[in-house]
Amino acid sequence: MSKQVLIERFFESLISGDRAEARNVVDECVMADAPAEQVIEQLFWPTLEQIEKMFRNDQLSVLAHNCATRLLRMLADQMQMRLPQQEPNGRSILFLCGPNEPNELAGQMACDILEAGGYHVTFAGGGVANDEIVSTLSETEPHVLVVFSSTPQDLPHIRLLIDQLHDMGVCPNLQVVVGGGVFNRAEGLAEEIGADLWAKSPTELIAMINDHPQRRMASDQRTVGRRRRQGKAA
């Protein structure tokens, strides 16, 4: 069966709340010896993106959207147990996301893959005030801050957080990584707000962090977005 047909079957089972059929689709993948990370990356992730796109376009009811995201979260929880765990690599990550259920679900899947890759991950979810985030970063000094978001409404909060970190000099060696739908849809947005790295999916996220552990945007580049916004305001 083709990947697209499998995704369509999975999508239909999720939005209809058909728990048995959703499990059947996942079981077929497992029985075909698909690695857990592949199931998350190539089945769960694109299906969630399809659900969110249709919901934004008013093509899904609230009921269908709720059924889909809650059922997918249950399956993601179960799939996490199948991820092979690598040895700890000594690097820590504070992971944040947008405040709604789909953002937290996307963040959870990304965290599961990062943790399996050897990172020590603290998943704070969404809706956390910036002053709490800054205080936690100052106290714990993680190596990486990851912020995942799918909606434009989250951008002012993310912009302000990055500006605060740079202006206050909190964790000067911290690597700031962003990802999620809103950054996928707007080319150059991640750079404009001062992020060091950006990724479109959980697998790409861990690859970027693994391959570029020392990458930091130059301080003069980090202020470009802020100067541009001040200029517009003037």
C-alpha atoms as a PDB file:
ATOM      1  CA  MET A   1       0.000   0.000   0.000  1.00  0.00           C
ATOM      2  CA  SER A   2       1.323   3.464  -0.916  1.00  0.00           C
ATOM      3  CA  LYS A   3       2.306   5.978   1.724  1.00  0.00           C
ATOM      4  CA  GLN A   4      -0.368   8.438   0.594  1.00  0.00           C
ATOM      5  CA  VAL A   5      -3.144   5.844   0.747  1.00  0.00           C
ATOM      6  CA  LEU A   6      -2.016   4.896   4.250  1.00  0.00           C
ATOM      7  CA  ILE A   7      -2.081   8.535   5.343  1.00  0.00           C
ATOM      8  CA  GLU A   8      -5.567   8.988   3.904  1.00  0.00           C
ATOM      9  CA  ARG A   9      -6.829   5.908   5.751  1.00  0.00           C
ATOM     10  CA  PHE A  10      -5.250   7.145   8.947  1.00  0.00           C
ATOM     11  CA  PHE A  11      -6.646  10.647   8.476  1.00  0.00           C
ATOM     12  CA  GLU A  12     -10.195   9.353   7.931  1.00  0.00           C
ATOM     13  CA  SER A  13      -9.992   7.111  10.990  1.00  0.00           C
ATOM     14  CA  LEU A  14      -8.784   9.984  13.163  1.00  0.00           C
ATOM     15  CA  ILE A  15     -11.345  12.603  12.164  1.00  0.00           C
ATOM     16  CA  SER A  16     -14.169  10.071  12.534  1.00  0.00           C
ATOM     17  CA  GLY A  17     -12.884   8.999  15.940  1.00  0.00           C
ATOM     18  CA  ASP A  18     -12.540   5.378  14.777  1.00  0.00           C
ATOM     19  CA  ARG A  19     -10.072   4.168  17.386  1.00  0.00           C
ATOM     20  CA  ALA A  20      -9.996   0.573  16.160  1.00  0.00           C
ATOM     21  CA  GLU A  21      -9.226   1.522  12.552  1.00  0.00           C
ATOM     22  CA  ALA A  22      -6.576   4.036  13.616  1.00  0.00           C
ATOM     23  CA  ARG A  23      -4.864   1.309  15.642  1.00  0.00           C
ATOM     24  CA  ASN A  24      -5.160  -1.071  12.680  1.00  0.00           C
ATOM     25  CA  VAL A  25      -3.285   1.372  10.436  1.00  0.00           C
ATOM     26  CA  VAL A  26      -0.506   1.777  12.996  1.00  0.00           C
ATOM     27  CA  ASP A  27      -0.355  -1.989  13.572  1.00  0.00           C
ATOM     28  CA  GLU A  28       0.091  -2.538   9.831  1.00  0.00           C
ATOM     29  CA  CYS A  29       3.120  -0.246   9.904  1.00  0.00           C
ATOM     30  CA  VAL A  30       4.577  -2.028  12.926  1.00  0.00           C
ATOM     31  CA  MET A  31       3.996  -5.469  11.388  1.00  0.00           C
ATOM     32  CA  ALA A  32       5.758  -4.266   8.233  1.00  0.00           C
ATOM     33  CA  ASP A  33       8.800  -3.542  10.449  1.00  0.00           C
ATOM     34  CA  ALA A  34       8.593   0.218  10.008  1.00  0.00           C
ATOM     35  CA  PRO A  35      10.827   1.837  12.686  1.00  0.00           C
ATOM     36  CA  ALA A  36       8.952   3.845  15.310  1.00  0.00           C
ATOM     37  CA  GLU A  37      10.684   7.055  14.257  1.00  0.00           C
ATOM     38  CA  GLN A  38       9.571   6.467  10.678  1.00  0.00           C
ATOM     39  CA  VAL A  39       5.952   5.958  11.777  1.00  0.00           C
ATOM     40  CA  ILE A  40       6.067   9.265  13.657  1.00  0.00           C
ATOM     41  CA  GLU A  41       7.813  11.126  10.856  1.00  0.00           C
ATOM     42  CA  GLN A  42       6.020   9.707   7.825  1.00  0.00           C
ATOM     43  CA  LEU A  43       2.549   8.888   9.188  1.00  0.00           C
ATOM     44  CA  PHE A  44       1.760  10.834  12.355  1.00  0.00           C
ATOM     45  CA  TRP A  45       3.436  14.103  11.389  1.00  0.00           C
ATOM     46  CA  PRO A  46       2.010  14.607   7.858  1.00  0.00           C
ATOM     47  CA  THR A  47      -1.426  13.524   9.058  1.00  0.00           C
ATOM     48  CA  LEU A  48      -1.331  16.106  11.841  1.00  0.00           C
ATOM     49  CA  GLU A  49      -0.273  18.765   9.323  1.00  0.00           C
ATOM     50  CA  GLN A  50      -3.199  17.801   7.081  1.00  0.00           C
ATOM     51  CA  ILE A  51      -5.623  17.979  10.005  1.00  0.00           C
ATOM     52  CA  GLU A  52      -4.369  21.427  10.991  1.00  0.00           C
ATOM     53  CA  LYS A  53      -4.452  22.770   7.431  1.00  0.00           C
ATOM     54  CA  MET A  54      -8.039  21.677   6.930  1.00  0.00           C
ATOM     55  CA  PHE A  55      -9.096  22.998  10.331  1.00  0.00           C
ATOM     56  CA  ARG A  56      -7.540  26.415   9.600  1.00  0.00           C
ATOM     57  CA  ASN A  57      -9.476  26.471   6.315  1.00  0.00           C
ATOM     58  CA  ASP A  58     -12.768  25.638   8.073  1.00  0.00           C
ATOM     59  CA  GLN A  59     -12.898  22.245   6.361  1.00  0.00           C
ATOM     60  CA  LEU A  60     -13.120  20.304   9.631  1.00  0.00           C
ATOM     61  CA  SER A  61     -15.582  20.679  12.454  1.00  0.00           C
ATOM     62  CA  VAL A  62     -14.405  21.252  16.003  1.00  0.00           C
ATOM     63  CA  LEU A  63     -15.685  17.789  16.904  1.00  0.00           C
ATOM     64  CA  ALA A  64     -13.695  16.098  14.117  1.00  0.00           C
ATOM     65  CA  HIS A  65     -10.607  18.112  15.005  1.00  0.00           C
ATOM     66  CA  ASN A  66     -10.867  17.196  18.683  1.00  0.00           C
ATOM     67  CA  CYS A  67     -11.396  13.518  17.923  1.00  0.00           C
ATOM     68  CA  ALA A  68      -8.389  13.485  15.621  1.00  0.00           C
ATOM     69  CA  THR A  69      -5.920  15.264  17.901  1.00  0.00           C
ATOM     70  CA  ARG A  70      -6.907  13.333  21.039  1.00  0.00           C
ATOM     71  CA  LEU A  71      -6.725   9.979  19.272  1.00  0.00           C
ATOM     72  CA  LEU A  72      -3.416  10.838  17.635  1.00  0.00           C
ATOM     73  CA  ARG A  73      -1.972  11.843  21.015  1.00  0.00           C
ATOM     74  CA  MET A  74      -2.880   8.432  22.421  1.00  0.00           C
ATOM     75  CA  LEU A  75      -1.159   6.682  19.520  1.00  0.00           C
ATOM     76  CA  ALA A  76       1.898   8.945  19.796  1.00  0.00           C
ATOM     77  CA  ASP A  77       2.171   8.045  23.496  1.00  0.00           C
ATOM     78  CA  GLN A  78       2.171   4.367  22.595  1.00  0.00           C
ATOM     79  CA  MET A  79       4.677   4.806  19.759  1.00  0.00           C
ATOM     80  CA  GLN A  80       7.113   6.577  22.082  1.00  0.00           C
ATOM     81  CA  MET A  81       7.583   3.295  23.928  1.00  0.00           C
ATOM     82  CA  ARG A  82       8.851   1.705  20.698  1.00  0.00           C
ATOM     83  CA  LEU A  83      11.568   4.270  20.044  1.00  0.00           C
ATOM     84  CA  PRO A  84      15.051   2.791  20.577  1.00  0.00           C
ATOM     85  CA  GLN A  85      16.905   4.936  23.113  1.00  0.00           C
ATOM     86  CA  GLN A  86      20.465   6.077  22.428  1.00  0.00           C
ATOM     87  CA  GLU A  87      23.002   6.717  25.160  1.00  0.00           C
ATOM     88  CA  PRO A  88      22.769  10.182  26.783  1.00  0.00           C
ATOM     89  CA  ASN A  89      24.907  12.690  24.905  1.00  0.00           C
ATOM     90  CA  GLY A  90      25.239  15.200  27.747  1.00  0.00           C
ATOM     91  CA  ARG A  91      23.204  17.947  26.020  1.00  0.00           C
ATOM     92  CA  SER A  92      20.002  19.401  27.441  1.00  0.00           C
ATOM     93  CA  ILE A  93      17.010  21.026  25.752  1.00  0.00           C
ATOM     94  CA  LEU A  94      14.146  23.172  27.025  1.00  0.00           C
ATOM     95  CA  PHE A  95      11.246  22.652  24.624  1.00  0.00           C
ATOM     96  CA  LEU A  96       8.323  25.072  24.295  1.00  0.00           C
ATOM     97  CA  CYS A  97       5.407  25.228  21.899  1.00  0.00           C
ATOM     98  CA  GLY A  98       2.217  27.104  21.125  1.00  0.00           C
ATOM     99  CA  PRO A  99      -0.616  26.887  23.664  1.00  0.00           C
ATOM    100  CA  ASN A 100      -3.141  24.738  21.801  1.00  0.00           C
ATOM    101  CA  GLU A 101      -3.586  20.963  21.635  1.00  0.00           C
ATOM    102  CA  PRO A 102      -2.122  20.434  18.123  1.00  0.00           C
ATOM    103  CA  ASN A 103       0.982  22.456  19.001  1.00  0.00           C
ATOM    104  CA  GLU A 104       1.526  20.416  22.135  1.00  0.00           C
ATOM    105  CA  LEU A 105       1.008  17.189  20.191  1.00  0.00           C
ATOM    106  CA  ALA A 106       3.566  18.238  17.567  1.00  0.00           C
ATOM    107  CA  GLY A 107       5.928  19.275  20.341  1.00  0.00           C
ATOM    108  CA  GLN A 108       5.498  15.983  22.129  1.00  0.00           C
ATOM    109  CA  MET A 109       6.389  13.982  19.023  1.00  0.00           C
ATOM    110  CA  ALA A 110       9.474  16.109  18.445  1.00  0.00           C
ATOM    111  CA  CYS A 111      10.498  15.718  22.099  1.00  0.00           C
ATOM    112  CA  ASP A 112      10.077  11.947  21.926  1.00  0.00           C
ATOM    113  CA  ILE A 113      12.493  11.748  18.993  1.00  0.00           C
ATOM    114  CA  LEU A 114      14.984  14.140  20.588  1.00  0.00           C
ATOM    115  CA  GLU A 115      14.960  12.199  23.849  1.00  0.00           C
ATOM    116  CA  ALA A 116      15.435   8.931  21.990  1.00  0.00           C
ATOM    117  CA  GLY A 117      18.415  10.565  20.295  1.00  0.00           C
ATOM    118  CA  GLY A 118      20.208  11.001  23.614  1.00  0.00           C
ATOM    119  CA  TYR A 119      19.156  14.501  24.654  1.00  0.00           C
ATOM    120  CA  HIS A 120      17.851  15.389  28.108  1.00  0.00           C
ATOM    121  CA  VAL A 121      14.576  17.119  27.238  1.00  0.00           C
ATOM    122  CA  THR A 122      12.353  19.253  29.446  1.00  0.00           C
ATOM    123  CA  PHE A 123       8.988  19.742  27.739  1.00  0.00           C
ATOM    124  CA  ALA A 124       7.203  22.795  29.148  1.00  0.00           C
ATOM    125  CA  GLY A 125       4.450  22.867  26.528  1.00  0.00           C
ATOM    126  CA  GLY A 126       2.648  26.116  25.810  1.00  0.00           C
ATOM    127  CA  GLY A 127       1.171  29.065  27.639  1.00  0.00           C
ATOM    128  CA  VAL A 128       4.265  29.762  29.774  1.00  0.00           C
ATOM    129  CA  ALA A 129       5.010  33.435  30.489  1.00  0.00           C
ATOM    130  CA  ASN A 130       8.272  34.776  29.101  1.00  0.00           C
ATOM    131  CA  ASP A 131       9.543  35.850  32.517  1.00  0.00           C
ATOM    132  CA  GLU A 132       9.191  32.266  33.762  1.00  0.00           C
ATOM    133  CA  ILE A 133      11.016  30.972  30.700  1.00  0.00           C
ATOM    134  CA  VAL A 134      13.868  33.454  31.100  1.00  0.00           C
ATOM    135  CA  SER A 135      14.157  32.629  34.807  1.00  0.00           C
ATOM    136  CA  THR A 136      14.248  28.878  34.109  1.00  0.00           C
ATOM    137  CA  LEU A 137      16.870  29.286  31.389  1.00  0.00           C
ATOM    138  CA  SER A 138      19.014  31.367  33.732  1.00  0.00           C
ATOM    139  CA  GLU A 139      18.762  28.734  36.471  1.00  0.00           C
ATOM    140  CA  THR A 140      19.155  25.542  34.432  1.00  0.00           C
ATOM    141  CA  GLU A 141      21.336  26.770  31.535  1.00  0.00           C
ATOM    142  CA  PRO A 142      20.296  24.210  28.902  1.00  0.00           C
ATOM    143  CA  HIS A 143      22.292  23.936  25.705  1.00  0.00           C
ATOM    144  CA  VAL A 144      19.290  24.435  23.415  1.00  0.00           C
ATOM    145  CA  LEU A 145      15.935  26.215  23.517  1.00  0.00           C
ATOM    146  CA  VAL A 146      13.406  24.834  21.020  1.00  0.00           C
ATOM    147  CA  VAL A 147      10.163  26.664  20.237  1.00  0.00           C
ATOM    148  CA  PHE A 148       7.641  24.920  17.974  1.00  0.00           C
ATOM    149  CA  SER A 149       4.575  26.765  16.699  1.00  0.00           C
ATOM    150  CA  SER A 150       1.987  26.323  13.967  1.00  0.00           C
ATOM    151  CA  THR A 151       0.052  29.598  14.254  1.00  0.00           C
ATOM    152  CA  PRO A 152       0.946  33.240  13.451  1.00  0.00           C
ATOM    153  CA  GLN A 153      -0.688  34.303  16.734  1.00  0.00           C
ATOM    154  CA  ASP A 154       2.277  32.844  18.631  1.00  0.00           C
ATOM    155  CA  LEU A 155       4.887  34.917  16.799  1.00  0.00           C
ATOM    156  CA  PRO A 156       4.807  38.109  18.918  1.00  0.00           C
ATOM    157  CA  HIS A 157       5.406  35.997  22.033  1.00  0.00           C
ATOM    158  CA  ILE A 158       8.332  34.155  20.380  1.00  0.00           C
ATOM    159  CA  ARG A 159       9.850  37.352  18.972  1.00  0.00           C
ATOM    160  CA  LEU A 160       9.715  39.041  22.374  1.00  0.00           C
ATOM    161  CA  LEU A 161      11.265  36.028  24.094  1.00  0.00           C
ATOM    162  CA  ILE A 162      14.241  35.904  21.721  1.00  0.00           C
ATOM    163  CA  ASP A 163      14.723  39.666  21.998  1.00  0.00           C
ATOM    164  CA  GLN A 164      14.640  39.441  25.791  1.00  0.00           C
ATOM    165  CA  LEU A 165      17.246  36.694  25.864  1.00  0.00           C
ATOM    166  CA  HIS A 166      19.589  38.617  23.599  1.00  0.00           C
ATOM    167  CA  ASP A 167      19.054  42.000  25.285  1.00  0.00           C
ATOM    168  CA  MET A 168      19.481  40.623  28.818  1.00  0.00           C
ATOM    169  CA  GLY A 169      22.430  38.382  27.921  1.00  0.00           C
ATOM    170  CA  VAL A 170      20.761  35.342  29.493  1.00  0.00           C
ATOM    171  CA  CYS A 171      22.560  32.108  28.577  1.00  0.00           C
ATOM    172  CA  PRO A 172      24.825  33.703  25.944  1.00  0.00           C
ATOM    173  CA  ASN A 173      25.822  30.281  24.600  1.00  0.00           C
ATOM    174  CA  LEU A 174      22.206  29.105  24.285  1.00  0.00           C
ATOM    175  CA  GLN A 175      21.224  27.860  20.830  1.00  0.00           C
ATOM    176  CA  VAL A 176      17.712  28.969  19.833  1.00  0.00           C
ATOM    177  CA  VAL A 177      15.887  26.633  17.450  1.00  0.00           C
ATOM    178  CA  VAL A 178      12.408  27.153  16.002  1.00  0.00           C
ATOM    179  CA  GLY A 179      10.123  24.989  13.920  1.00  0.00           C
ATOM    180  CA  GLY A 180       6.560  24.145  13.069  1.00  0.00           C
ATOM    181  CA  GLY A 181       3.962  25.177  10.543  1.00  0.00           C
ATOM    182  CA  VAL A 182       4.194  28.949  10.874  1.00  0.00           C
ATOM    183  CA  PHE A 183       7.918  28.858  10.079  1.00  0.00           C
ATOM    184  CA  ASN A 184       7.409  26.363   7.263  1.00  0.00           C
ATOM    185  CA  ARG A 185       4.917  28.678   5.586  1.00  0.00           C
ATOM    186  CA  ALA A 186       6.989  31.877   5.812  1.00  0.00           C
ATOM    187  CA  GLU A 187      10.450  31.625   4.276  1.00  0.00           C
ATOM    188  CA  GLY A 188      13.066  33.647   6.149  1.00  0.00           C
ATOM    189  CA  LEU A 189      10.890  34.162   9.219  1.00  0.00           C
ATOM    190  CA  ALA A 190      13.137  32.142  11.534  1.00  0.00           C
ATOM    191  CA  GLU A 191      16.186  34.198  10.592  1.00  0.00           C
ATOM    192  CA  GLU A 192      14.241  37.444  10.840  1.00  0.00           C
ATOM    193  CA  ILE A 193      13.325  36.833  14.492  1.00  0.00           C
ATOM    194  CA  GLY A 194      16.885  35.832  15.429  1.00  0.00           C
ATOM    195  CA  ALA A 195      16.774  32.016  15.629  1.00  0.00           C
ATOM    196  CA  ASP A 196      20.029  30.090  15.196  1.00  0.00           C
ATOM    197  CA  LEU A 197      18.461  27.032  13.534  1.00  0.00           C
ATOM    198  CA  TRP A 198      15.066  26.024  12.175  1.00  0.00           C
ATOM    199  CA  ALA A 199      13.471  22.767  11.073  1.00  0.00           C
ATOM    200  CA  LYS A 200      10.307  21.545   9.378  1.00  0.00           C
ATOM    201  CA  SER A 201       9.866  18.183  11.125  1.00  0.00           C
ATOM    202  CA  PRO A 202      11.064  16.213  14.171  1.00  0.00           C
ATOM    203  CA  THR A 203      13.654  14.261  12.183  1.00  0.00           C
ATOM    204  CA  GLU A 204      14.985  17.403  10.544  1.00  0.00           C
ATOM    205  CA  LEU A 205      15.047  19.057  13.970  1.00  0.00           C
ATOM    206  CA  ILE A 206      17.303  16.449  15.550  1.00  0.00           C
ATOM    207  CA  ALA A 207      19.491  16.350  12.424  1.00  0.00           C
ATOM    208  CA  MET A 208      19.992  20.120  12.535  1.00  0.00           C
ATOM    209  CA  ILE A 209      20.819  20.130  16.249  1.00  0.00           C
ATOM    210  CA  ASN A 210      23.159  17.145  15.840  1.00  0.00           C
ATOM    211  CA  ASP A 211      24.946  18.554  12.804  1.00  0.00           C
ATOM    212  CA  HIS A 212      25.248  22.195  13.911  1.00  0.00           C
ATOM    213  CA  PRO A 213      25.768  22.234  17.692  1.00  0.00           C
ATOM    214  CA  GLN A 214      27.934  25.373  17.583  1.00  0.00           C
ATOM    215  CA  ARG A 215      25.928  27.461  15.140  1.00  0.00           C
ATOM    216  CA  ARG A 216      24.946  30.874  16.510  1.00  0.00           C
ATOM    217  CA  MET A 217      23.633  33.825  14.580  1.00  0.00           C
ATOM    218  CA  ALA A 218      25.980  36.808  14.787  1.00  0.00           C
ATOM    219  CA  SER A 219      24.847  39.518  17.189  1.00  0.00           C
ATOM    220  CA  ASP A 220      24.452  42.104  14.419  1.00  0.00           C
ATOM    221  CA  GLN A 221      22.212  39.705  12.483  1.00  0.00           C
ATOM    222  CA  ARG A 222      20.107  39.102  15.580  1.00  0.00           C
ATOM    223  CA  THR A 223      19.183  42.775  15.780  1.00  0.00           C
ATOM    224  CA  VAL A 224      18.083  43.058  12.159  1.00  0.00           C
ATOM    225  CA  GLY A 225      14.515  41.965  12.854  1.00  0.00           C
ATOM    226  CA  ARG A 226      14.186  44.269  15.854  1.00  0.00           C
ATOM    227  CA  ARG A 227      15.541  47.282  13.940  1.00  0.00           C
ATOM    228  CA  ARG A 228      13.202  46.516  11.061  1.00  0.00           C
ATOM    229  CA  ARG A 229      10.194  46.403  13.392  1.00  0.00           C
ATOM    230  CA  GLN A 230      11.243  49.655  15.117  1.00  0.00           C
ATOM    231  CA  GLY A 231      11.619  51.309  11.737  1.00  0.00           C
ATOM    232  CA  LYS A 232       8.130  50.254  10.724  1.00  0.00           C
ATOM    233  CA  ALA A 233       6.732  51.518  14.000  1.00  0.00           C
ATOM    234  CA  ALA A 234       8.378  54.884  13.439  1.00  0.00           C
END
